[in-house]
Amino acid sequence: DLRTCLQLIDLLASAPRDEVLRDNIATRVCARGDKQACRMLAESRLGSGVRFDPICAEQLLDTLCAEGELGSCFRLGTLKLEGELAPEDKAAGRGLIERACDQGEYMACLDVVMRDGLGDAEKKRIVERAFGAVAKACAADDAKACLELGSAYAHAGQWYYLGTPAKDEAKQLELRQRACGLGSLDACGWLDRSERTDVY
């Protein structure tokens, strides 16, 4: 099934000798309409894989963004803003990032906060929006969002510029376990390291 294929792609990412196989699987799953696989394929075409093709990557991200995949809008915006695609287009890049934030992409909101010289009140407003968005994404079974939300509960009210939530180790553990169950290798790795540390 598609989820198994996506997990296989993630596993193969840590094995350089299997980059061709990973790329082939992502291509096939993307062709079946899976947006996550298309995102993976775009990243592969940007240089992390075996077939460097930034034009193809831009086309994939642009299509995904037009279909409402906000993470792709954010990624495309950062590429344009930082001049990683030709021609550089800072205005378009900022527009894509702000659009993604306005529509609920939490990483885009955090990017706006970190990039721009905003006042404290505006920073807090944007990060509160990001926190709401990441909680909503986690509730919708987004593994990366659950991992990020767990991080928010680990930092004692210091998640970017937001004074909440308070540190909650039980909530952090619950969210990282959820992220692992949803397929996040980073979350599973964190849990494994945590368990081995607890032994000692």
Protein backbone atom coordinates (compact mmCIF):
# COMPACT_ATOMS: atom_id res chain seq x y z
CA ASP A 1 0.00 0.00 0.00
CA LEU A 2 1.02 3.65 -0.32
CA ARG A 3 1.88 4.12 3.34
CA THR A 4 4.22 1.13 3.30
CA CYS A 5 5.90 2.49 0.17
CA LEU A 6 6.41 5.87 1.83
CA GLN A 7 7.96 4.24 4.91
CA LEU A 8 10.24 2.24 2.62
CA ILE A 9 11.34 5.45 0.89
CA ASP A 10 12.23 6.95 4.29
CA LEU A 11 14.23 3.87 5.24
CA LEU A 12 16.11 3.85 1.95
CA ALA A 13 17.04 7.51 2.46
CA SER A 14 19.60 6.43 5.06
CA ALA A 15 21.20 3.93 2.68
CA PRO A 16 23.09 5.76 -0.15
CA ARG A 17 23.50 2.59 -2.20
CA ASP A 18 19.71 2.39 -2.51
CA GLU A 19 19.14 5.94 -3.82
CA VAL A 20 18.17 4.68 -7.28
CA LEU A 21 15.59 2.29 -5.81
CA ARG A 22 14.26 5.04 -3.52
CA ASP A 23 13.94 7.41 -6.48
CA ASN A 24 12.16 4.80 -8.58
CA ILE A 25 9.67 4.01 -5.82
CA ALA A 26 8.96 7.72 -5.21
CA THR A 27 8.41 8.24 -8.96
CA ARG A 28 5.91 5.38 -9.15
CA VAL A 29 4.00 6.38 -6.01
CA CYS A 30 3.92 10.05 -7.11
CA ALA A 31 2.50 8.97 -10.46
CA ARG A 32 -0.35 7.34 -8.52
CA GLY A 33 -1.21 10.72 -7.07
CA ASP A 34 0.38 10.60 -3.61
CA LYS A 35 1.41 14.12 -2.64
CA GLN A 36 3.94 13.04 -0.02
CA ALA A 37 5.77 10.93 -2.58
CA CYS A 38 5.76 13.85 -5.02
CA ARG A 39 7.30 16.06 -2.32
CA MET A 40 10.00 13.42 -1.74
CA LEU A 41 10.61 13.26 -5.47
CA ALA A 42 10.95 17.04 -5.69
CA GLU A 43 13.56 16.99 -2.91
CA SER A 44 15.40 14.23 -4.74
CA ARG A 45 15.48 16.35 -7.89
CA LEU A 46 16.91 19.27 -5.92
CA GLY A 47 20.14 17.42 -5.36
CA SER A 48 19.66 14.97 -2.51
CA GLY A 49 19.04 12.12 -4.93
CA VAL A 50 20.59 10.59 -8.02
CA ARG A 51 18.83 12.68 -10.68
CA PHE A 52 19.47 16.40 -10.22
CA ASP A 53 16.74 18.31 -12.06
CA PRO A 54 15.69 21.60 -10.40
CA ILE A 55 13.28 22.42 -13.24
CA CYS A 56 11.38 19.20 -12.57
CA ALA A 57 11.49 19.91 -8.82
CA GLU A 58 10.03 23.38 -9.31
CA GLN A 59 7.27 22.01 -11.54
CA LEU A 60 6.38 19.35 -8.95
CA LEU A 61 6.29 21.86 -6.10
CA ASP A 62 4.33 24.38 -8.16
CA THR A 63 1.72 21.73 -9.06
CA LEU A 64 1.42 20.57 -5.46
CA CYS A 65 1.09 24.15 -4.24
CA ALA A 66 -1.65 24.84 -6.78
CA GLU A 67 -3.45 21.75 -5.45
CA GLY A 68 -3.38 23.15 -1.93
CA GLU A 69 -0.38 21.30 -0.50
CA LEU A 70 0.83 24.13 1.73
CA GLY A 71 4.15 22.53 2.63
CA SER A 72 5.05 22.68 -1.04
CA CYS A 73 4.06 26.36 -1.22
CA PHE A 74 6.38 27.02 1.71
CA ARG A 75 9.25 25.01 0.20
CA LEU A 76 8.87 26.68 -3.19
CA GLY A 77 8.75 30.07 -1.49
CA THR A 78 12.00 29.48 0.40
CA LEU A 79 13.74 28.28 -2.76
CA LYS A 80 12.68 31.39 -4.66
CA LEU A 81 13.52 33.70 -1.76
CA GLU A 82 16.99 32.24 -1.25
CA GLY A 83 17.85 32.16 -4.94
CA GLU A 84 18.09 28.39 -5.22
CA LEU A 85 15.94 28.46 -8.35
CA ALA A 86 16.61 30.57 -11.42
CA PRO A 87 15.63 33.30 -11.71
CA GLU A 88 15.63 34.49 -8.08
CA ASP A 89 12.31 36.06 -7.14
CA LYS A 90 12.24 37.37 -3.57
CA ALA A 91 8.81 38.98 -3.87
CA ALA A 92 7.22 35.77 -5.15
CA GLY A 93 9.05 33.78 -2.48
CA ARG A 94 7.75 35.95 0.35
CA GLY A 95 4.26 35.83 -1.14
CA LEU A 96 4.25 32.02 -1.21
CA ILE A 97 5.52 31.77 2.37
CA GLU A 98 2.98 34.28 3.69
CA ARG A 99 0.19 32.53 1.77
CA ALA A 100 1.17 29.18 3.28
CA CYS A 101 1.20 30.74 6.77
CA ASP A 102 -2.17 32.44 6.26
CA GLN A 103 -3.70 29.11 5.25
CA GLY A 104 -2.30 27.15 8.20
CA GLU A 105 1.20 25.87 7.37
CA TYR A 106 2.90 26.14 10.76
CA MET A 107 6.48 25.96 9.47
CA ALA A 108 5.78 28.89 7.13
CA CYS A 109 4.52 30.96 10.08
CA LEU A 110 7.64 30.14 12.07
CA ASP A 111 9.75 31.10 9.06
CA VAL A 112 7.99 34.48 8.87
CA VAL A 113 8.74 35.07 12.56
CA MET A 114 12.42 34.14 12.21
CA ARG A 115 13.02 36.13 8.99
CA ASP A 116 11.23 39.41 9.49
CA GLY A 117 11.83 42.26 11.94
CA LEU A 118 8.46 42.00 13.66
CA GLY A 119 7.45 43.42 17.02
CA ASP A 120 6.93 41.07 19.96
CA ALA A 121 3.14 41.30 19.82
CA GLU A 122 3.09 40.38 16.11
CA LYS A 123 5.55 37.54 16.67
CA LYS A 124 3.36 36.13 19.41
CA ARG A 125 0.26 36.41 17.23
CA ILE A 126 1.91 34.52 14.37
CA VAL A 127 3.38 31.83 16.60
CA GLU A 128 0.02 31.31 18.30
CA ARG A 129 -1.40 30.75 14.82
CA ALA A 130 1.40 28.28 14.14
CA PHE A 131 0.74 26.42 17.39
CA GLY A 132 -2.92 26.06 16.52
CA ALA A 133 -2.01 24.85 13.04
CA VAL A 134 0.51 22.27 14.26
CA ALA A 135 -2.00 20.92 16.79
CA LYS A 136 -4.62 20.63 14.04
CA ALA A 137 -2.15 18.90 11.71
CA CYS A 138 -1.17 16.41 14.42
CA ALA A 139 -4.85 15.65 15.07
CA ALA A 140 -5.11 14.88 11.34
CA ASP A 141 -2.32 12.26 11.65
CA ASP A 142 0.61 14.35 10.40
CA ALA A 143 3.63 12.62 11.97
CA LYS A 144 5.99 15.59 11.58
CA ALA A 145 3.43 17.90 13.19
CA CYS A 146 3.08 15.56 16.18
CA LEU A 147 6.86 15.51 16.55
CA GLU A 148 6.97 19.32 16.41
CA LEU A 149 4.12 19.58 18.91
CA GLY A 150 6.01 17.27 21.24
CA SER A 151 8.96 19.61 20.95
CA ALA A 152 6.73 22.52 21.98
CA TYR A 153 5.83 20.70 25.21
CA ALA A 154 9.51 19.99 25.87
CA HIS A 155 10.68 23.59 25.97
CA ALA A 156 8.98 25.05 29.04
CA GLY A 157 7.16 27.85 27.28
CA GLN A 158 10.10 28.73 25.04
CA TRP A 159 8.78 27.35 21.74
CA TYR A 160 9.94 30.16 19.49
CA TYR A 161 8.35 33.35 20.91
CA LEU A 162 5.30 31.74 22.49
CA GLY A 163 4.97 31.78 26.28
CA THR A 164 2.94 28.57 26.27
CA PRO A 165 2.54 25.65 26.54
CA ALA A 166 4.08 24.86 29.90
CA LYS A 167 6.59 22.04 29.96
CA ASP A 168 4.80 18.69 30.09
CA GLU A 169 7.02 15.61 29.82
CA ALA A 170 4.07 13.20 29.75
CA LYS A 171 2.47 15.12 26.87
CA GLN A 172 5.80 15.30 25.06
CA LEU A 173 6.21 11.51 25.35
CA GLU A 174 2.63 10.88 24.23
CA LEU A 175 3.08 13.04 21.13
CA ARG A 176 6.42 11.52 20.18
CA GLN A 177 4.93 8.04 20.55
CA ARG A 178 2.07 9.12 18.30
CA ALA A 179 4.53 10.52 15.75
CA CYS A 180 6.49 7.25 15.81
CA GLY A 181 3.29 5.25 15.33
CA LEU A 182 2.48 7.45 12.33
CA GLY A 183 5.83 6.62 10.74
CA SER A 184 8.26 9.31 11.93
CA LEU A 185 11.71 7.74 12.06
CA ASP A 186 13.01 10.77 13.99
CA ALA A 187 10.40 10.24 16.69
CA CYS A 188 11.10 6.52 16.86
CA GLY A 189 14.82 7.24 17.13
CA TRP A 190 14.20 9.72 19.96
CA LEU A 191 12.10 7.15 21.84
CA ASP A 192 14.75 4.49 21.38
CA ARG A 193 17.50 6.78 22.69
CA SER A 194 15.30 7.83 25.59
CA GLU A 195 14.60 4.22 26.57
CA ARG A 196 18.30 3.29 26.43
CA THR A 197 19.18 6.32 28.56
CA ASP A 198 16.52 5.40 31.13
CA VAL A 199 18.10 1.97 31.53
CA TYR A 200 21.19 3.60 32.95
